[in-house]
Amino acid sequence: MDVVELLRWVASVTGIVAAILVAMRLTNRATGLGFVIFTVCSVSWVTVGAFDGEWKLAVQNMVLTLINLVGVYRWLIKAD
């Protein structure tokens, strides 16, 4: 298995796990962890997109990375 294929699996699995954590909204910390995992997912997809020349995928996930970082800030750093 090459690195890009491994990153595809990492992105897929982390996306699923993050979606479950965010959807369950158990605690602020769990939801924040979901956004941290979503960030790993989106960075993985950016890398895959760059390696494969799929720039639409890379750009979309660059934006999602920023959105996920807002989620990390909201749920972990600024948590009420």
N, C-alpha and C. Protein backbone atom coordinates (compact mmCIF):
# COMPACT_ATOMS: atom_id res chain seq x y z
N MET A 1 0.86 -1.18 0.00
CA MET A 1 0.00 0.00 0.00
C MET A 1 0.90 1.24 0.00
N ASP A 2 0.64 2.15 -0.94
CA ASP A 2 1.44 3.36 -1.00
C ASP A 2 0.91 4.42 -0.03
N VAL A 3 1.66 5.49 0.13
CA VAL A 3 1.33 6.54 1.09
C VAL A 3 0.00 7.20 0.78
N VAL A 4 -0.27 7.48 -0.48
CA VAL A 4 -1.52 8.14 -0.86
C VAL A 4 -2.71 7.25 -0.53
N GLU A 5 -2.60 5.97 -0.79
CA GLU A 5 -3.69 5.05 -0.46
C GLU A 5 -3.90 4.99 1.05
N LEU A 6 -2.83 4.97 1.81
CA LEU A 6 -2.93 5.00 3.26
C LEU A 6 -3.63 6.27 3.73
N LEU A 7 -3.26 7.41 3.14
CA LEU A 7 -3.91 8.68 3.50
C LEU A 7 -5.40 8.68 3.16
N ARG A 8 -5.76 8.03 2.06
CA ARG A 8 -7.19 7.92 1.73
C ARG A 8 -7.94 7.17 2.83
N TRP A 9 -7.34 6.09 3.32
CA TRP A 9 -7.96 5.32 4.40
C TRP A 9 -8.02 6.14 5.69
N VAL A 10 -6.94 6.83 6.00
CA VAL A 10 -6.92 7.68 7.20
C VAL A 10 -8.03 8.74 7.10
N ALA A 11 -8.13 9.38 5.95
CA ALA A 11 -9.15 10.41 5.76
C ALA A 11 -10.55 9.84 5.89
N SER A 12 -10.79 8.69 5.32
CA SER A 12 -12.12 8.07 5.39
C SER A 12 -12.49 7.69 6.81
N VAL A 13 -11.60 7.01 7.49
CA VAL A 13 -11.89 6.53 8.85
C VAL A 13 -12.02 7.71 9.82
N THR A 14 -11.12 8.68 9.73
CA THR A 14 -11.20 9.82 10.65
C THR A 14 -12.45 10.64 10.37
N GLY A 15 -12.87 10.74 9.13
CA GLY A 15 -14.11 11.45 8.82
C GLY A 15 -15.32 10.80 9.46
N ILE A 16 -15.37 9.48 9.42
CA ILE A 16 -16.48 8.74 10.02
C ILE A 16 -16.48 8.92 11.54
N VAL A 17 -15.33 8.73 12.16
CA VAL A 17 -15.23 8.85 13.62
C VAL A 17 -15.58 10.27 14.06
N ALA A 18 -15.05 11.27 13.36
CA ALA A 18 -15.33 12.66 13.72
C ALA A 18 -16.81 12.99 13.59
N ALA A 19 -17.43 12.53 12.52
CA ALA A 19 -18.86 12.80 12.32
C ALA A 19 -19.69 12.20 13.45
N ILE A 20 -19.33 11.01 13.89
CA ILE A 20 -20.05 10.37 15.00
C ILE A 20 -19.89 11.20 16.27
N LEU A 21 -18.66 11.61 16.58
CA LEU A 21 -18.42 12.39 17.79
C LEU A 21 -19.16 13.72 17.78
N VAL A 22 -19.12 14.41 16.66
CA VAL A 22 -19.79 15.72 16.57
C VAL A 22 -21.30 15.54 16.64
N ALA A 23 -21.82 14.55 15.95
CA ALA A 23 -23.26 14.32 15.93
C ALA A 23 -23.79 13.94 17.32
N MET A 24 -23.01 13.19 18.08
CA MET A 24 -23.46 12.75 19.40
C MET A 24 -23.46 13.89 20.42
N ARG A 25 -22.55 14.84 20.22
CA ARG A 25 -22.45 16.02 21.10
C ARG A 25 -22.56 15.64 22.58
N LEU A 26 -21.73 14.70 22.97
CA LEU A 26 -21.75 14.19 24.35
C LEU A 26 -21.32 15.25 25.36
N THR A 27 -20.16 15.83 25.13
CA THR A 27 -19.62 16.90 25.97
C THR A 27 -18.89 17.88 25.06
N ASN A 28 -18.57 19.05 25.60
CA ASN A 28 -17.77 20.01 24.82
C ASN A 28 -16.44 19.39 24.40
N ARG A 29 -15.81 18.66 25.31
CA ARG A 29 -14.51 18.05 25.01
C ARG A 29 -14.63 17.00 23.89
N ALA A 30 -15.67 16.17 23.94
CA ALA A 30 -15.86 15.14 22.90
C ALA A 30 -16.15 15.78 21.55
N THR A 31 -16.99 16.83 21.55
CA THR A 31 -17.28 17.53 20.30
C THR A 31 -16.02 18.20 19.76
N GLY A 32 -15.25 18.83 20.65
CA GLY A 32 -13.99 19.45 20.25
C GLY A 32 -13.02 18.43 19.68
N LEU A 33 -12.97 17.25 20.31
CA LEU A 33 -12.12 16.18 19.80
C LEU A 33 -12.58 15.76 18.41
N GLY A 34 -13.90 15.76 18.20
CA GLY A 34 -14.42 15.47 16.87
C GLY A 34 -13.89 16.44 15.82
N PHE A 35 -13.82 17.73 16.19
CA PHE A 35 -13.29 18.71 15.25
C PHE A 35 -11.79 18.56 15.05
N VAL A 36 -11.06 18.14 16.08
CA VAL A 36 -9.63 17.84 15.91
C VAL A 36 -9.47 16.70 14.91
N ILE A 37 -10.29 15.67 15.06
CA ILE A 37 -10.22 14.52 14.15
C ILE A 37 -10.66 14.92 12.75
N PHE A 38 -11.70 15.77 12.65
CA PHE A 38 -12.09 16.30 11.33
C PHE A 38 -10.93 17.04 10.68
N THR A 39 -10.13 17.74 11.48
CA THR A 39 -8.97 18.47 10.94
C THR A 39 -7.96 17.50 10.35
N VAL A 40 -7.71 16.39 11.05
CA VAL A 40 -6.82 15.35 10.51
C VAL A 40 -7.37 14.83 9.18
N CYS A 41 -8.68 14.63 9.15
CA CYS A 41 -9.35 14.15 7.93
C CYS A 41 -9.14 15.13 6.77
N SER A 42 -9.45 16.40 7.01
CA SER A 42 -9.36 17.37 5.91
C SER A 42 -7.92 17.60 5.45
N VAL A 43 -6.97 17.58 6.38
CA VAL A 43 -5.55 17.72 5.98
C VAL A 43 -5.12 16.51 5.16
N SER A 44 -5.61 15.34 5.55
CA SER A 44 -5.30 14.13 4.76
C SER A 44 -5.83 14.26 3.34
N TRP A 45 -7.08 14.76 3.20
CA TRP A 45 -7.65 14.92 1.85
C TRP A 45 -6.93 16.00 1.06
N VAL A 46 -6.47 17.05 1.72
CA VAL A 46 -5.67 18.07 1.02
C VAL A 46 -4.42 17.42 0.44
N THR A 47 -3.76 16.60 1.24
CA THR A 47 -2.53 15.94 0.80
C THR A 47 -2.80 14.99 -0.36
N VAL A 48 -3.87 14.20 -0.25
CA VAL A 48 -4.24 13.28 -1.33
C VAL A 48 -4.53 14.08 -2.60
N GLY A 49 -5.30 15.15 -2.47
CA GLY A 49 -5.63 15.98 -3.63
C GLY A 49 -4.39 16.55 -4.30
N ALA A 50 -3.44 17.00 -3.47
CA ALA A 50 -2.20 17.57 -4.02
C ALA A 50 -1.39 16.50 -4.74
N PHE A 51 -1.25 15.33 -4.14
CA PHE A 51 -0.49 14.24 -4.78
C PHE A 51 -1.13 13.78 -6.07
N ASP A 52 -2.46 13.73 -6.10
CA ASP A 52 -3.17 13.23 -7.27
C ASP A 52 -3.50 14.31 -8.29
N GLY A 53 -3.17 15.56 -7.99
CA GLY A 53 -3.51 16.65 -8.90
C GLY A 53 -5.00 16.96 -8.92
N GLU A 54 -5.70 16.57 -7.87
CA GLU A 54 -7.14 16.84 -7.75
C GLU A 54 -7.31 18.13 -6.94
N TRP A 55 -7.15 19.24 -7.62
CA TRP A 55 -7.08 20.53 -6.93
C TRP A 55 -8.43 20.96 -6.36
N LYS A 56 -9.52 20.52 -6.95
CA LYS A 56 -10.84 20.86 -6.37
C LYS A 56 -10.98 20.20 -5.00
N LEU A 57 -10.56 18.95 -4.89
CA LEU A 57 -10.59 18.24 -3.61
C LEU A 57 -9.68 18.93 -2.60
N ALA A 58 -8.50 19.33 -3.03
CA ALA A 58 -7.55 19.98 -2.13
C ALA A 58 -8.08 21.32 -1.63
N VAL A 59 -8.62 22.14 -2.53
CA VAL A 59 -9.13 23.45 -2.15
C VAL A 59 -10.33 23.30 -1.22
N GLN A 60 -11.24 22.41 -1.56
CA GLN A 60 -12.41 22.19 -0.70
C GLN A 60 -11.96 21.84 0.72
N ASN A 61 -10.99 20.98 0.84
CA ASN A 61 -10.56 20.55 2.16
C ASN A 61 -9.66 21.56 2.85
N MET A 62 -9.05 22.47 2.12
CA MET A 62 -8.36 23.59 2.76
C MET A 62 -9.39 24.46 3.50
N VAL A 63 -10.52 24.70 2.83
CA VAL A 63 -11.59 25.48 3.45
C VAL A 63 -12.16 24.71 4.64
N LEU A 64 -12.39 23.42 4.48
CA LEU A 64 -12.90 22.61 5.58
C LEU A 64 -11.93 22.58 6.75
N THR A 65 -10.63 22.60 6.48
CA THR A 65 -9.65 22.67 7.56
C THR A 65 -9.84 23.94 8.38
N LEU A 66 -10.04 25.06 7.71
CA LEU A 66 -10.28 26.31 8.43
C LEU A 66 -11.57 26.24 9.26
N ILE A 67 -12.62 25.67 8.68
CA ILE A 67 -13.88 25.52 9.41
C ILE A 67 -13.69 24.60 10.61
N ASN A 68 -12.95 23.52 10.43
CA ASN A 68 -12.70 22.60 11.54
C ASN A 68 -11.89 23.27 12.65
N LEU A 69 -10.95 24.13 12.28
CA LEU A 69 -10.18 24.85 13.29
C LEU A 69 -11.06 25.82 14.08
N VAL A 70 -12.07 26.39 13.43
CA VAL A 70 -13.05 27.20 14.14
C VAL A 70 -13.79 26.32 15.16
N GLY A 71 -14.15 25.11 14.75
CA GLY A 71 -14.80 24.17 15.66
C GLY A 71 -13.92 23.81 16.84
N VAL A 72 -12.64 23.60 16.59
CA VAL A 72 -11.69 23.32 17.68
C VAL A 72 -11.66 24.50 18.64
N TYR A 73 -11.57 25.70 18.10
CA TYR A 73 -11.54 26.90 18.94
C TYR A 73 -12.83 27.00 19.76
N ARG A 74 -13.96 26.84 19.09
CA ARG A 74 -15.27 27.01 19.75
C ARG A 74 -15.50 25.98 20.85
N TRP A 75 -15.14 24.72 20.60
CA TRP A 75 -15.49 23.64 21.53
C TRP A 75 -14.39 23.31 22.53
N LEU A 76 -13.14 23.63 22.23
CA LEU A 76 -12.05 23.30 23.15
C LEU A 76 -11.39 24.50 23.79
N ILE A 77 -11.14 25.53 23.00
CA ILE A 77 -10.39 26.66 23.52
C ILE A 77 -11.32 27.67 24.20
N LYS A 78 -12.40 28.02 23.54
CA LYS A 78 -13.31 29.03 24.07
C LYS A 78 -14.49 28.41 24.83
N ALA A 79 -14.50 27.12 25.00
CA ALA A 79 -15.64 26.41 25.59
C ALA A 79 -16.17 27.14 26.82
N ASP A 80 -17.49 27.35 26.81
CA ASP A 80 -18.14 28.05 27.92
C ASP A 80 -18.26 27.18 29.14
